[in-house]
N, C-alpha and C. Protein backbone atom coordinates (compact mmCIF):
# COMPACT_ATOMS: atom_id res chain seq x y z
N MET A 1 99.38 81.74 102.85
CA MET A 1 98.95 83.11 102.59
C MET A 1 99.41 84.00 103.75
N GLU A 2 100.10 85.08 103.45
CA GLU A 2 100.62 85.96 104.51
C GLU A 2 100.09 87.37 104.36
N LYS A 3 99.90 88.03 105.52
CA LYS A 3 99.54 89.45 105.52
C LYS A 3 100.74 90.27 105.07
N THR A 4 100.46 91.35 104.35
CA THR A 4 101.55 92.25 103.97
C THR A 4 101.39 93.63 104.61
N SER A 5 100.22 94.22 104.50
CA SER A 5 100.00 95.54 105.10
C SER A 5 98.53 95.70 105.45
N GLN A 6 98.26 96.58 106.42
CA GLN A 6 96.87 96.85 106.79
C GLN A 6 96.27 97.84 105.80
N LEU A 7 95.14 97.45 105.23
CA LEU A 7 94.46 98.30 104.25
C LEU A 7 93.43 99.21 104.89
N TYR A 8 92.84 98.74 106.00
CA TYR A 8 91.68 99.44 106.55
C TYR A 8 91.43 98.97 107.97
N GLU A 9 90.98 99.88 108.82
CA GLU A 9 90.48 99.50 110.14
C GLU A 9 89.16 100.20 110.37
N GLY A 10 88.12 99.40 110.56
CA GLY A 10 86.80 99.94 110.83
C GLY A 10 86.41 99.75 112.28
N LYS A 11 85.12 99.91 112.54
CA LYS A 11 84.63 99.82 113.92
C LYS A 11 84.75 98.41 114.48
N ALA A 12 84.63 97.41 113.61
CA ALA A 12 84.57 96.02 114.09
C ALA A 12 85.61 95.10 113.47
N LYS A 13 86.31 95.59 112.44
CA LYS A 13 87.22 94.70 111.72
C LYS A 13 88.45 95.46 111.22
N LYS A 14 89.51 94.68 110.99
CA LYS A 14 90.68 95.17 110.26
C LYS A 14 90.80 94.35 108.98
N VAL A 15 91.28 94.98 107.92
CA VAL A 15 91.46 94.29 106.65
C VAL A 15 92.92 94.42 106.22
N PHE A 16 93.52 93.29 105.87
CA PHE A 16 94.94 93.26 105.51
C PHE A 16 95.11 92.79 104.07
N ALA A 17 96.07 93.39 103.37
CA ALA A 17 96.50 92.88 102.08
C ALA A 17 97.28 91.58 102.31
N THR A 18 97.38 90.77 101.26
CA THR A 18 98.14 89.53 101.37
C THR A 18 99.11 89.42 100.19
N THR A 19 99.84 88.33 100.19
CA THR A 19 100.79 88.09 99.11
C THR A 19 100.09 87.80 97.78
N ASP A 20 98.77 87.60 97.82
CA ASP A 20 97.97 87.47 96.60
C ASP A 20 97.15 88.75 96.45
N GLU A 21 97.35 89.48 95.39
CA GLU A 21 96.71 90.79 95.23
C GLU A 21 95.19 90.70 95.12
N ASN A 22 94.66 89.51 94.87
CA ASN A 22 93.22 89.33 94.74
C ASN A 22 92.54 88.88 96.03
N LEU A 23 93.33 88.68 97.09
CA LEU A 23 92.79 88.17 98.35
C LEU A 23 93.19 89.07 99.51
N CYS A 24 92.31 89.15 100.50
CA CYS A 24 92.57 89.92 101.73
C CYS A 24 92.28 89.03 102.93
N ILE A 25 92.80 89.46 104.07
CA ILE A 25 92.47 88.80 105.33
C ILE A 25 91.69 89.78 106.19
N VAL A 26 90.52 89.34 106.64
CA VAL A 26 89.69 90.14 107.54
C VAL A 26 89.90 89.62 108.96
N SER A 27 90.16 90.54 109.89
CA SER A 27 90.37 90.19 111.29
C SER A 27 89.30 90.88 112.13
N TYR A 28 88.52 90.09 112.85
CA TYR A 28 87.39 90.61 113.62
C TYR A 28 87.83 91.03 115.03
N LYS A 29 87.34 92.19 115.47
CA LYS A 29 87.70 92.75 116.77
C LYS A 29 86.55 92.57 117.77
N ASP A 30 86.87 92.77 119.05
CA ASP A 30 85.84 92.75 120.09
C ASP A 30 85.27 94.15 120.36
N ASP A 31 85.80 95.16 119.68
CA ASP A 31 85.31 96.53 119.88
C ASP A 31 83.85 96.63 119.46
N ALA A 32 83.10 97.40 120.22
CA ALA A 32 81.69 97.62 119.91
C ALA A 32 81.41 99.11 119.85
N THR A 33 80.64 99.52 118.85
CA THR A 33 80.24 100.92 118.75
C THR A 33 78.75 100.98 118.42
N ALA A 34 78.15 102.12 118.73
CA ALA A 34 76.74 102.35 118.39
C ALA A 34 76.54 103.84 118.15
N PHE A 35 75.44 104.15 117.48
CA PHE A 35 75.08 105.54 117.20
C PHE A 35 76.22 106.26 116.47
N ASN A 36 76.64 105.62 115.35
CA ASN A 36 77.70 106.18 114.51
C ASN A 36 78.98 106.49 115.30
N GLY A 37 79.31 105.59 116.21
CA GLY A 37 80.56 105.70 116.95
C GLY A 37 80.50 106.54 118.21
N GLU A 38 79.33 107.10 118.52
CA GLU A 38 79.22 107.94 119.72
C GLU A 38 79.34 107.10 121.00
N LYS A 39 78.85 105.89 120.96
CA LYS A 39 78.96 104.99 122.11
C LYS A 39 79.98 103.91 121.78
N LYS A 40 80.93 103.70 122.67
CA LYS A 40 81.99 102.73 122.43
C LYS A 40 82.15 101.79 123.62
N GLY A 41 82.57 100.57 123.34
CA GLY A 41 82.78 99.61 124.40
C GLY A 41 83.42 98.36 123.84
N THR A 42 83.36 97.31 124.62
CA THR A 42 83.93 96.02 124.22
C THR A 42 82.93 94.91 124.55
N ILE A 43 82.77 93.98 123.63
CA ILE A 43 81.96 92.79 123.88
C ILE A 43 82.91 91.60 123.76
N LEU A 44 83.28 91.03 124.90
CA LEU A 44 84.30 89.99 124.92
C LEU A 44 83.87 88.79 124.08
N GLY A 45 84.76 88.38 123.19
CA GLY A 45 84.51 87.21 122.35
C GLY A 45 83.69 87.50 121.11
N LYS A 46 83.25 88.74 120.94
CA LYS A 46 82.41 89.11 119.80
C LYS A 46 83.09 88.82 118.47
N GLY A 47 84.38 89.12 118.38
CA GLY A 47 85.08 88.92 117.13
C GLY A 47 85.07 87.48 116.67
N VAL A 48 85.25 86.58 117.62
CA VAL A 48 85.22 85.14 117.31
C VAL A 48 83.83 84.73 116.82
N ILE A 49 82.81 85.16 117.55
CA ILE A 49 81.44 84.78 117.22
C ILE A 49 81.05 85.33 115.85
N ASN A 50 81.33 86.62 115.61
CA ASN A 50 80.93 87.23 114.34
C ASN A 50 81.67 86.62 113.16
N ASN A 51 82.94 86.30 113.35
CA ASN A 51 83.73 85.67 112.30
C ASN A 51 83.14 84.31 111.93
N ARG A 52 82.94 83.48 112.93
CA ARG A 52 82.51 82.11 112.66
C ARG A 52 81.07 82.05 112.14
N LEU A 53 80.18 82.89 112.70
CA LEU A 53 78.80 82.92 112.23
C LEU A 53 78.73 83.42 110.79
N THR A 54 79.45 84.52 110.51
CA THR A 54 79.45 85.07 109.16
C THR A 54 79.90 84.03 108.15
N ASN A 55 80.98 83.36 108.46
CA ASN A 55 81.53 82.38 107.51
C ASN A 55 80.56 81.24 107.26
N ARG A 56 79.92 80.75 108.31
CA ARG A 56 78.96 79.66 108.16
C ARG A 56 77.77 80.10 107.30
N LEU A 57 77.24 81.29 107.59
CA LEU A 57 76.08 81.77 106.84
C LEU A 57 76.43 82.07 105.39
N MET A 58 77.63 82.60 105.16
CA MET A 58 78.04 82.86 103.77
C MET A 58 78.22 81.57 102.99
N GLN A 59 78.72 80.55 103.65
CA GLN A 59 78.85 79.25 102.98
C GLN A 59 77.47 78.71 102.59
N LEU A 60 76.51 78.81 103.49
CA LEU A 60 75.16 78.34 103.21
C LEU A 60 74.52 79.15 102.09
N LEU A 61 74.72 80.47 102.11
CA LEU A 61 74.15 81.32 101.06
C LEU A 61 74.77 81.03 99.70
N SER A 62 76.06 80.75 99.70
CA SER A 62 76.74 80.40 98.46
C SER A 62 76.12 79.14 97.84
N GLU A 63 75.78 78.19 98.70
CA GLU A 63 75.13 76.96 98.23
C GLU A 63 73.75 77.25 97.64
N LYS A 64 73.14 78.37 98.06
CA LYS A 64 71.82 78.76 97.57
C LYS A 64 71.91 79.68 96.35
N GLY A 65 73.13 79.92 95.86
CA GLY A 65 73.27 80.70 94.65
C GLY A 65 73.57 82.17 94.84
N VAL A 66 73.90 82.57 96.07
CA VAL A 66 74.30 83.95 96.33
C VAL A 66 75.82 84.01 96.39
N PRO A 67 76.48 84.67 95.45
CA PRO A 67 77.95 84.74 95.49
C PRO A 67 78.43 85.62 96.63
N THR A 68 79.50 85.20 97.29
CA THR A 68 80.03 85.95 98.43
C THR A 68 81.54 86.12 98.27
N HIS A 69 82.10 86.94 99.17
CA HIS A 69 83.55 87.16 99.13
C HIS A 69 84.31 86.10 99.93
N PHE A 70 83.62 85.20 100.60
CA PHE A 70 84.24 84.22 101.48
C PHE A 70 85.13 83.24 100.70
N VAL A 71 86.32 83.00 101.24
CA VAL A 71 87.23 82.00 100.66
C VAL A 71 87.53 80.90 101.67
N GLU A 72 88.06 81.28 102.84
CA GLU A 72 88.48 80.26 103.81
C GLU A 72 88.61 80.88 105.20
N GLU A 73 88.10 80.16 106.20
CA GLU A 73 88.31 80.58 107.60
C GLU A 73 89.70 80.15 108.03
N LEU A 74 90.51 81.11 108.44
CA LEU A 74 91.91 80.83 108.79
C LEU A 74 92.05 80.43 110.26
N ASN A 75 91.33 81.10 111.12
CA ASN A 75 91.31 80.79 112.55
C ASN A 75 90.06 81.44 113.14
N ASP A 76 89.95 81.43 114.46
CA ASP A 76 88.71 81.91 115.09
C ASP A 76 88.39 83.36 114.77
N ARG A 77 89.41 84.17 114.49
CA ARG A 77 89.16 85.59 114.27
C ARG A 77 89.47 86.08 112.86
N GLU A 78 90.11 85.26 112.05
CA GLU A 78 90.58 85.72 110.74
C GLU A 78 90.04 84.86 109.60
N THR A 79 89.69 85.53 108.51
CA THR A 79 89.14 84.84 107.36
C THR A 79 89.75 85.41 106.08
N LEU A 80 90.03 84.51 105.16
CA LEU A 80 90.53 84.90 103.83
C LEU A 80 89.33 85.19 102.94
N VAL A 81 89.34 86.37 102.30
CA VAL A 81 88.22 86.77 101.44
C VAL A 81 88.75 87.30 100.11
N LYS A 82 87.86 87.31 99.12
CA LYS A 82 88.21 87.93 97.84
C LYS A 82 88.25 89.45 98.02
N LYS A 83 89.22 90.09 97.39
CA LYS A 83 89.32 91.54 97.46
C LYS A 83 88.22 92.15 96.60
N VAL A 84 87.45 93.05 97.18
CA VAL A 84 86.37 93.70 96.45
C VAL A 84 86.44 95.20 96.65
N SER A 85 85.80 95.92 95.75
CA SER A 85 85.57 97.34 95.98
C SER A 85 84.12 97.45 96.47
N ILE A 86 83.96 97.96 97.68
CA ILE A 86 82.64 98.00 98.31
C ILE A 86 81.73 98.99 97.60
N VAL A 87 80.53 98.56 97.26
CA VAL A 87 79.50 99.48 96.76
C VAL A 87 79.05 100.31 97.97
N PRO A 88 79.15 101.66 97.91
CA PRO A 88 78.93 102.46 99.12
C PRO A 88 77.46 102.63 99.50
N LEU A 89 76.75 101.52 99.49
CA LEU A 89 75.35 101.50 99.91
C LEU A 89 75.18 100.47 101.01
N GLU A 90 74.62 100.89 102.14
CA GLU A 90 74.20 99.92 103.14
C GLU A 90 72.78 99.51 102.79
N VAL A 91 72.54 98.22 102.76
CA VAL A 91 71.25 97.69 102.34
C VAL A 91 70.56 97.13 103.58
N ILE A 92 69.40 97.69 103.93
CA ILE A 92 68.69 97.27 105.14
C ILE A 92 67.39 96.60 104.77
N ILE A 93 67.25 95.35 105.19
CA ILE A 93 66.00 94.60 104.98
C ILE A 93 65.28 94.52 106.32
N ARG A 94 63.98 94.80 106.31
CA ARG A 94 63.20 94.78 107.55
C ARG A 94 61.99 93.87 107.39
N ASN A 95 61.81 92.97 108.36
CA ASN A 95 60.65 92.07 108.40
C ASN A 95 59.66 92.46 109.50
N ILE A 96 60.17 93.14 110.52
CA ILE A 96 59.37 93.52 111.69
C ILE A 96 59.81 94.93 112.10
N SER A 97 58.87 95.75 112.54
CA SER A 97 59.23 97.12 112.92
C SER A 97 60.10 97.13 114.18
N ALA A 98 61.17 97.91 114.12
CA ALA A 98 62.09 98.03 115.26
C ALA A 98 63.05 99.18 114.98
N GLY A 99 63.76 99.59 116.03
CA GLY A 99 64.86 100.54 115.87
C GLY A 99 64.44 101.84 115.21
N SER A 100 65.28 102.29 114.27
CA SER A 100 65.07 103.59 113.63
C SER A 100 63.79 103.62 112.81
N PHE A 101 63.36 102.48 112.27
CA PHE A 101 62.11 102.44 111.51
C PHE A 101 60.94 102.81 112.40
N ALA A 102 60.87 102.19 113.58
CA ALA A 102 59.77 102.47 114.51
C ALA A 102 59.79 103.93 114.95
N LYS A 103 60.98 104.44 115.21
CA LYS A 103 61.12 105.84 115.64
C LYS A 103 60.73 106.79 114.51
N ARG A 104 61.20 106.51 113.31
CA ARG A 104 60.97 107.40 112.17
C ARG A 104 59.49 107.54 111.83
N PHE A 105 58.77 106.40 111.93
CA PHE A 105 57.36 106.41 111.53
C PHE A 105 56.39 106.43 112.71
N GLY A 106 56.94 106.55 113.92
CA GLY A 106 56.09 106.68 115.10
C GLY A 106 55.22 105.48 115.37
N VAL A 107 55.78 104.28 115.15
CA VAL A 107 55.02 103.06 115.41
C VAL A 107 55.74 102.23 116.47
N GLU A 108 55.01 101.31 117.05
CA GLU A 108 55.61 100.46 118.08
C GLU A 108 56.52 99.42 117.43
N GLU A 109 57.42 98.89 118.22
CA GLU A 109 58.25 97.78 117.75
C GLU A 109 57.43 96.50 117.76
N GLY A 110 57.75 95.62 116.82
CA GLY A 110 57.12 94.31 116.82
C GLY A 110 56.01 94.11 115.80
N ILE A 111 55.75 95.11 114.96
CA ILE A 111 54.74 94.94 113.91
C ILE A 111 55.33 94.06 112.80
N VAL A 112 54.70 92.93 112.54
CA VAL A 112 55.18 92.02 111.49
C VAL A 112 54.65 92.51 110.15
N PHE A 113 55.55 92.79 109.23
CA PHE A 113 55.15 93.33 107.93
C PHE A 113 54.57 92.23 107.04
N LYS A 114 53.62 92.62 106.19
CA LYS A 114 53.06 91.67 105.22
C LYS A 114 54.11 91.25 104.20
N SER A 115 55.01 92.16 103.89
CA SER A 115 56.14 91.83 103.01
C SER A 115 57.34 92.63 103.49
N PRO A 116 58.55 92.14 103.28
CA PRO A 116 59.74 92.85 103.78
C PRO A 116 59.95 94.18 103.08
N THR A 117 60.57 95.12 103.79
CA THR A 117 60.94 96.39 103.19
C THR A 117 62.43 96.40 102.91
N ILE A 118 62.85 97.26 102.00
CA ILE A 118 64.27 97.44 101.72
C ILE A 118 64.58 98.93 101.76
N GLU A 119 65.70 99.29 102.34
CA GLU A 119 66.17 100.67 102.41
C GLU A 119 67.64 100.70 102.01
N PHE A 120 68.06 101.81 101.46
CA PHE A 120 69.47 102.06 101.22
C PHE A 120 69.90 103.23 102.09
N SER A 121 71.12 103.17 102.58
CA SER A 121 71.73 104.37 103.17
C SER A 121 73.12 104.55 102.55
N TYR A 122 73.51 105.79 102.45
CA TYR A 122 74.81 106.13 101.88
C TYR A 122 75.88 105.80 102.91
N LYS A 123 76.80 104.91 102.54
CA LYS A 123 77.83 104.46 103.49
C LYS A 123 78.86 105.57 103.65
N ASN A 124 78.62 106.46 104.62
CA ASN A 124 79.48 107.61 104.85
C ASN A 124 79.34 108.03 106.31
N ASP A 125 80.34 107.67 107.14
CA ASP A 125 80.28 107.95 108.57
C ASP A 125 80.17 109.43 108.87
N GLU A 126 80.90 110.25 108.12
CA GLU A 126 80.90 111.69 108.39
C GLU A 126 79.51 112.30 108.24
N LEU A 127 78.70 111.73 107.35
CA LEU A 127 77.35 112.24 107.12
C LEU A 127 76.30 111.48 107.94
N GLY A 128 76.75 110.48 108.68
CA GLY A 128 75.81 109.71 109.49
C GLY A 128 75.02 108.69 108.70
N ASP A 129 75.58 108.21 107.58
CA ASP A 129 74.93 107.17 106.76
C ASP A 129 73.48 107.53 106.42
N PRO A 130 73.27 108.65 105.71
CA PRO A 130 71.89 109.10 105.45
C PRO A 130 71.13 108.15 104.53
N LEU A 131 69.82 108.06 104.75
CA LEU A 131 68.97 107.26 103.87
C LEU A 131 68.98 107.84 102.46
N MET A 132 68.90 106.96 101.48
CA MET A 132 68.82 107.43 100.09
C MET A 132 67.99 106.43 99.28
N ASN A 133 67.47 106.88 98.14
CA ASN A 133 66.75 105.96 97.28
C ASN A 133 67.57 105.66 96.02
N ASP A 134 67.00 104.86 95.14
CA ASP A 134 67.71 104.44 93.93
C ASP A 134 68.18 105.65 93.12
N TYR A 135 67.31 106.64 93.01
CA TYR A 135 67.61 107.80 92.17
C TYR A 135 68.79 108.59 92.72
N HIS A 136 68.89 108.69 94.05
CA HIS A 136 70.04 109.37 94.67
C HIS A 136 71.33 108.60 94.34
N ALA A 137 71.27 107.28 94.48
CA ALA A 137 72.46 106.46 94.22
C ALA A 137 72.91 106.60 92.77
N LEU A 138 71.94 106.64 91.85
CA LEU A 138 72.27 106.80 90.43
C LEU A 138 72.84 108.20 90.17
N ALA A 139 72.20 109.22 90.76
CA ALA A 139 72.63 110.60 90.53
C ALA A 139 74.06 110.83 91.01
N LEU A 140 74.43 110.20 92.13
CA LEU A 140 75.76 110.38 92.71
C LEU A 140 76.79 109.40 92.12
N GLY A 141 76.33 108.53 91.22
CA GLY A 141 77.26 107.59 90.60
C GLY A 141 77.76 106.52 91.54
N LEU A 142 76.97 106.19 92.58
CA LEU A 142 77.39 105.19 93.56
C LEU A 142 77.17 103.77 93.05
N ALA A 143 76.24 103.62 92.12
CA ALA A 143 75.92 102.31 91.56
C ALA A 143 75.16 102.52 90.25
N THR A 144 75.17 101.52 89.41
CA THR A 144 74.38 101.56 88.18
C THR A 144 73.01 100.94 88.45
N GLN A 145 72.09 101.10 87.52
CA GLN A 145 70.78 100.48 87.69
C GLN A 145 70.90 98.97 87.75
N ASP A 146 71.78 98.40 86.94
CA ASP A 146 72.01 96.95 86.98
C ASP A 146 72.53 96.52 88.35
N ASP A 147 73.46 97.33 88.90
CA ASP A 147 73.99 97.03 90.24
C ASP A 147 72.85 96.99 91.25
N ILE A 148 72.02 98.02 91.22
CA ILE A 148 70.93 98.14 92.19
C ILE A 148 69.94 96.99 92.04
N ASP A 149 69.60 96.65 90.81
CA ASP A 149 68.68 95.54 90.58
C ASP A 149 69.25 94.23 91.10
N THR A 150 70.54 94.01 90.83
CA THR A 150 71.20 92.78 91.31
C THR A 150 71.23 92.73 92.82
N ILE A 151 71.58 93.84 93.44
CA ILE A 151 71.66 93.91 94.90
C ILE A 151 70.29 93.64 95.53
N LYS A 152 69.24 94.22 94.97
CA LYS A 152 67.89 93.99 95.51
C LYS A 152 67.50 92.52 95.39
N THR A 153 67.79 91.93 94.24
CA THR A 153 67.46 90.51 94.03
C THR A 153 68.16 89.64 95.06
N TYR A 154 69.46 89.86 95.24
CA TYR A 154 70.22 89.08 96.22
C TYR A 154 69.72 89.34 97.64
N ALA A 155 69.43 90.61 97.96
CA ALA A 155 69.03 90.97 99.33
C ALA A 155 67.75 90.24 99.73
N PHE A 156 66.77 90.20 98.84
CA PHE A 156 65.52 89.51 99.17
C PHE A 156 65.71 88.00 99.21
N LYS A 157 66.59 87.48 98.36
CA LYS A 157 66.90 86.05 98.39
C LYS A 157 67.59 85.68 99.71
N ILE A 158 68.52 86.52 100.14
CA ILE A 158 69.21 86.31 101.42
C ILE A 158 68.20 86.34 102.56
N ASN A 159 67.27 87.29 102.51
CA ASN A 159 66.26 87.41 103.56
C ASN A 159 65.39 86.16 103.63
N ASP A 160 64.95 85.68 102.47
CA ASP A 160 64.11 84.47 102.46
C ASP A 160 64.83 83.30 103.12
N PHE A 161 66.09 83.13 102.78
CA PHE A 161 66.84 82.01 103.35
C PHE A 161 67.08 82.21 104.85
N LEU A 162 67.57 83.40 105.23
CA LEU A 162 67.92 83.63 106.63
C LEU A 162 66.71 83.57 107.55
N LYS A 163 65.59 84.11 107.10
CA LYS A 163 64.36 84.05 107.92
C LYS A 163 64.01 82.62 108.26
N ALA A 164 64.00 81.77 107.25
CA ALA A 164 63.64 80.36 107.45
C ALA A 164 64.69 79.65 108.30
N TYR A 165 65.95 79.92 108.02
CA TYR A 165 67.04 79.26 108.75
C TYR A 165 67.02 79.65 110.23
N MET A 166 66.85 80.95 110.50
CA MET A 166 66.82 81.41 111.89
C MET A 166 65.63 80.82 112.64
N LEU A 167 64.48 80.77 111.95
CA LEU A 167 63.27 80.24 112.59
C LEU A 167 63.46 78.80 113.03
N GLU A 168 64.20 78.03 112.23
CA GLU A 168 64.50 76.64 112.60
C GLU A 168 65.26 76.57 113.91
N HIS A 169 65.96 77.65 114.26
CA HIS A 169 66.77 77.68 115.48
C HIS A 169 66.17 78.59 116.55
N GLY A 170 64.87 78.85 116.42
CA GLY A 170 64.16 79.59 117.45
C GLY A 170 64.44 81.08 117.47
N ILE A 171 64.85 81.63 116.32
CA ILE A 171 65.21 83.05 116.26
C ILE A 171 64.37 83.75 115.19
N GLU A 172 63.82 84.92 115.56
CA GLU A 172 63.14 85.77 114.58
C GLU A 172 64.15 86.73 113.97
N LEU A 173 64.19 86.80 112.66
CA LEU A 173 65.04 87.76 111.96
C LEU A 173 64.23 89.04 111.78
N VAL A 174 64.50 90.02 112.62
CA VAL A 174 63.71 91.26 112.64
C VAL A 174 64.12 92.16 111.48
N ASP A 175 65.40 92.48 111.41
CA ASP A 175 65.96 93.26 110.32
C ASP A 175 67.46 93.04 110.28
N PHE A 176 68.10 93.49 109.20
CA PHE A 176 69.55 93.30 109.09
C PHE A 176 70.11 94.19 108.00
N LYS A 177 71.42 94.42 108.10
CA LYS A 177 72.15 95.26 107.15
C LYS A 177 73.10 94.39 106.33
N LEU A 178 73.14 94.65 105.04
CA LEU A 178 74.07 93.96 104.14
C LEU A 178 74.95 94.97 103.43
N GLU A 179 76.13 94.50 103.03
CA GLU A 179 76.98 95.29 102.15
C GLU A 179 77.44 94.38 101.00
N PHE A 180 77.58 94.97 99.83
CA PHE A 180 78.00 94.23 98.66
C PHE A 180 79.26 94.85 98.08
N GLY A 181 80.04 94.04 97.39
CA GLY A 181 81.25 94.53 96.76
C GLY A 181 81.35 94.03 95.33
N LYS A 182 82.26 94.65 94.58
CA LYS A 182 82.49 94.24 93.20
C LYS A 182 83.87 93.61 93.06
N LEU A 183 83.91 92.47 92.39
CA LEU A 183 85.17 91.86 92.02
C LEU A 183 85.77 92.64 90.85
N PRO A 184 87.04 92.42 90.54
CA PRO A 184 87.67 93.16 89.43
C PRO A 184 86.92 93.06 88.11
N ASP A 185 86.21 91.95 87.89
CA ASP A 185 85.48 91.79 86.63
C ASP A 185 84.07 92.41 86.69
N GLY A 186 83.75 93.06 87.81
CA GLY A 186 82.46 93.72 87.93
C GLY A 186 81.37 92.89 88.58
N THR A 187 81.66 91.63 88.87
CA THR A 187 80.67 90.76 89.51
C THR A 187 80.35 91.27 90.91
N ILE A 188 79.07 91.35 91.25
CA ILE A 188 78.66 91.78 92.59
C ILE A 188 78.55 90.56 93.50
N VAL A 189 79.17 90.69 94.68
CA VAL A 189 79.13 89.60 95.66
C VAL A 189 78.78 90.17 97.03
N LEU A 190 78.22 89.33 97.87
CA LEU A 190 77.95 89.69 99.25
C LEU A 190 79.27 89.82 100.00
N ALA A 191 79.43 90.90 100.75
CA ALA A 191 80.67 91.13 101.49
C ALA A 191 80.33 91.45 102.96
N ASP A 192 81.29 92.01 103.68
CA ASP A 192 81.11 92.41 105.07
C ASP A 192 80.76 91.21 105.95
N GLU A 193 79.68 91.29 106.74
CA GLU A 193 79.38 90.23 107.70
C GLU A 193 77.89 90.07 107.90
N ILE A 194 77.50 88.93 108.47
CA ILE A 194 76.13 88.68 108.92
C ILE A 194 76.25 88.16 110.35
N SER A 195 75.85 88.95 111.32
CA SER A 195 76.14 88.63 112.72
C SER A 195 75.18 89.39 113.63
N PRO A 196 75.26 89.15 114.95
CA PRO A 196 74.45 89.94 115.88
C PRO A 196 74.81 91.43 115.88
N ASP A 197 75.94 91.78 115.27
CA ASP A 197 76.28 93.20 115.10
C ASP A 197 75.44 93.86 114.02
N THR A 198 75.09 93.10 112.99
CA THR A 198 74.45 93.67 111.81
C THR A 198 73.00 93.23 111.64
N CYS A 199 72.52 92.36 112.53
CA CYS A 199 71.15 91.86 112.45
C CYS A 199 70.44 92.10 113.79
N ARG A 200 69.12 92.22 113.72
CA ARG A 200 68.32 92.15 114.94
C ARG A 200 67.75 90.74 115.04
N PHE A 201 68.13 90.05 116.10
CA PHE A 201 67.65 88.70 116.37
C PHE A 201 66.80 88.72 117.64
N TRP A 202 65.59 88.21 117.57
CA TRP A 202 64.75 88.06 118.76
C TRP A 202 64.43 86.60 118.97
N ASP A 203 64.37 86.18 120.24
CA ASP A 203 63.91 84.84 120.54
C ASP A 203 62.47 84.72 120.07
N VAL A 204 62.16 83.65 119.37
CA VAL A 204 60.85 83.53 118.72
C VAL A 204 59.72 83.41 119.74
N VAL A 205 60.00 82.95 120.95
CA VAL A 205 58.95 82.78 121.97
C VAL A 205 58.87 83.98 122.89
N THR A 206 60.01 84.39 123.45
CA THR A 206 60.02 85.46 124.46
C THR A 206 60.24 86.84 123.86
N HIS A 207 60.70 86.90 122.61
CA HIS A 207 61.09 88.15 121.94
C HIS A 207 62.28 88.84 122.63
N GLU A 208 63.00 88.08 123.44
CA GLU A 208 64.22 88.62 124.05
C GLU A 208 65.21 88.98 122.96
N LYS A 209 65.87 90.12 123.12
CA LYS A 209 66.83 90.59 122.12
C LYS A 209 68.14 89.82 122.24
N LEU A 210 68.64 89.32 121.11
CA LEU A 210 69.85 88.51 121.08
C LEU A 210 70.88 89.13 120.14
N ASP A 211 71.06 90.45 120.24
CA ASP A 211 71.89 91.15 119.26
C ASP A 211 72.48 92.41 119.89
N LYS A 212 73.03 93.29 119.05
CA LYS A 212 73.74 94.47 119.54
C LYS A 212 72.82 95.49 120.22
N ASP A 213 71.51 95.34 120.07
CA ASP A 213 70.60 96.23 120.81
C ASP A 213 70.83 96.12 122.31
N ARG A 214 71.30 94.98 122.77
CA ARG A 214 71.57 94.85 124.21
C ARG A 214 72.70 95.80 124.63
N PHE A 215 73.64 96.04 123.72
CA PHE A 215 74.71 97.01 123.97
C PHE A 215 74.20 98.43 123.78
N ARG A 216 73.48 98.67 122.66
CA ARG A 216 72.97 100.01 122.37
C ARG A 216 72.11 100.55 123.50
N ARG A 217 71.26 99.67 124.03
CA ARG A 217 70.22 100.11 124.98
C ARG A 217 70.56 99.78 126.44
N ASP A 218 71.81 99.38 126.68
CA ASP A 218 72.25 99.07 128.04
C ASP A 218 71.35 98.04 128.72
N LEU A 219 71.03 96.98 128.00
CA LEU A 219 70.14 95.95 128.54
C LEU A 219 70.89 94.89 129.35
N GLY A 220 72.22 94.89 129.24
CA GLY A 220 73.01 93.90 129.97
C GLY A 220 73.04 92.55 129.26
N ASN A 221 73.88 91.64 129.79
CA ASN A 221 74.01 90.27 129.26
C ASN A 221 74.31 90.25 127.76
N VAL A 222 75.14 91.18 127.32
CA VAL A 222 75.44 91.29 125.88
C VAL A 222 76.20 90.05 125.41
N GLU A 223 77.27 89.70 126.14
CA GLU A 223 78.06 88.53 125.75
C GLU A 223 77.21 87.26 125.74
N ASP A 224 76.32 87.15 126.74
CA ASP A 224 75.46 85.96 126.83
C ASP A 224 74.57 85.85 125.60
N ALA A 225 74.04 86.98 125.13
CA ALA A 225 73.15 86.97 123.96
C ALA A 225 73.91 86.53 122.71
N TYR A 226 75.11 87.07 122.51
CA TYR A 226 75.92 86.68 121.34
C TYR A 226 76.26 85.19 121.42
N ASN A 227 76.63 84.73 122.59
CA ASN A 227 76.95 83.31 122.75
C ASN A 227 75.75 82.42 122.52
N GLU A 228 74.56 82.92 122.91
CA GLU A 228 73.34 82.13 122.70
C GLU A 228 73.05 81.97 121.21
N VAL A 229 73.26 83.03 120.44
CA VAL A 229 73.07 82.92 118.99
C VAL A 229 74.05 81.91 118.41
N MET A 230 75.30 81.99 118.85
CA MET A 230 76.30 81.05 118.35
C MET A 230 75.97 79.61 118.75
N ARG A 231 75.49 79.44 119.98
CA ARG A 231 75.13 78.10 120.43
C ARG A 231 74.01 77.52 119.58
N ARG A 232 73.01 78.35 119.29
CA ARG A 232 71.88 77.84 118.51
C ARG A 232 72.27 77.55 117.06
N LEU A 233 73.06 78.43 116.46
CA LEU A 233 73.36 78.29 115.04
C LEU A 233 74.54 77.37 114.74
N LEU A 234 75.51 77.34 115.64
CA LEU A 234 76.71 76.52 115.40
C LEU A 234 76.82 75.35 116.39
N GLY A 235 76.00 75.38 117.43
CA GLY A 235 76.01 74.27 118.37
C GLY A 235 77.10 74.31 119.40
N ASP A 236 77.81 75.47 119.50
CA ASP A 236 78.86 75.57 120.49
C ASP A 236 79.07 77.02 120.88
N THR A 237 79.91 77.23 121.87
CA THR A 237 80.26 78.58 122.32
C THR A 237 81.74 78.65 122.53
N LYS A 238 82.22 79.91 122.64
CA LYS A 238 83.65 80.12 122.91
C LYS A 238 83.79 80.83 124.24
């Protein structure tokens, strides 16, 4: 499988077309951004960690009945995936109060919810990814009701699995962002990534942050935190 042209470059990844029109190659970068791109930097080795963690978690989720875009890990930074059209909704699942949720509702971080919450935001950098509900998504034609129902079902199923899996490795899954895409036949699959870039991970005992909040909040030891997650979940580091 060979790259033919670059289709897209985002904050953390590049996507390339291949000699198969139904497949793409995703290449993970070490670039780091926060606050809708206002803060920029580099987290050395992040691309390798996010690539390998995402692929492992997507393989496990696929075994649990959640379809994903994952096809094959090509090397430490590149993965072959099914070509999808991204549903322009960012899906945020929250198990514990943190980040923008805590700020928005004026509550402290660390409140464990009786049941997880789900939020949608409109995937649009120029508008700052504003929050939206089902009715907004339907009104703007971003998704159908069936799409939204399917996405919610998968999102909560993913949360149930990831919460339990992370806990086995001494990590609390605080909250995380998902993106979904459609295959040419309309099938919805999990796309994008699952990593310390897109999840809040806390050590289950110390509540030490093991994710991109260390970069956002200038807490230091960012690379160490990412490597610690990889060590716990994959048993090795790069």
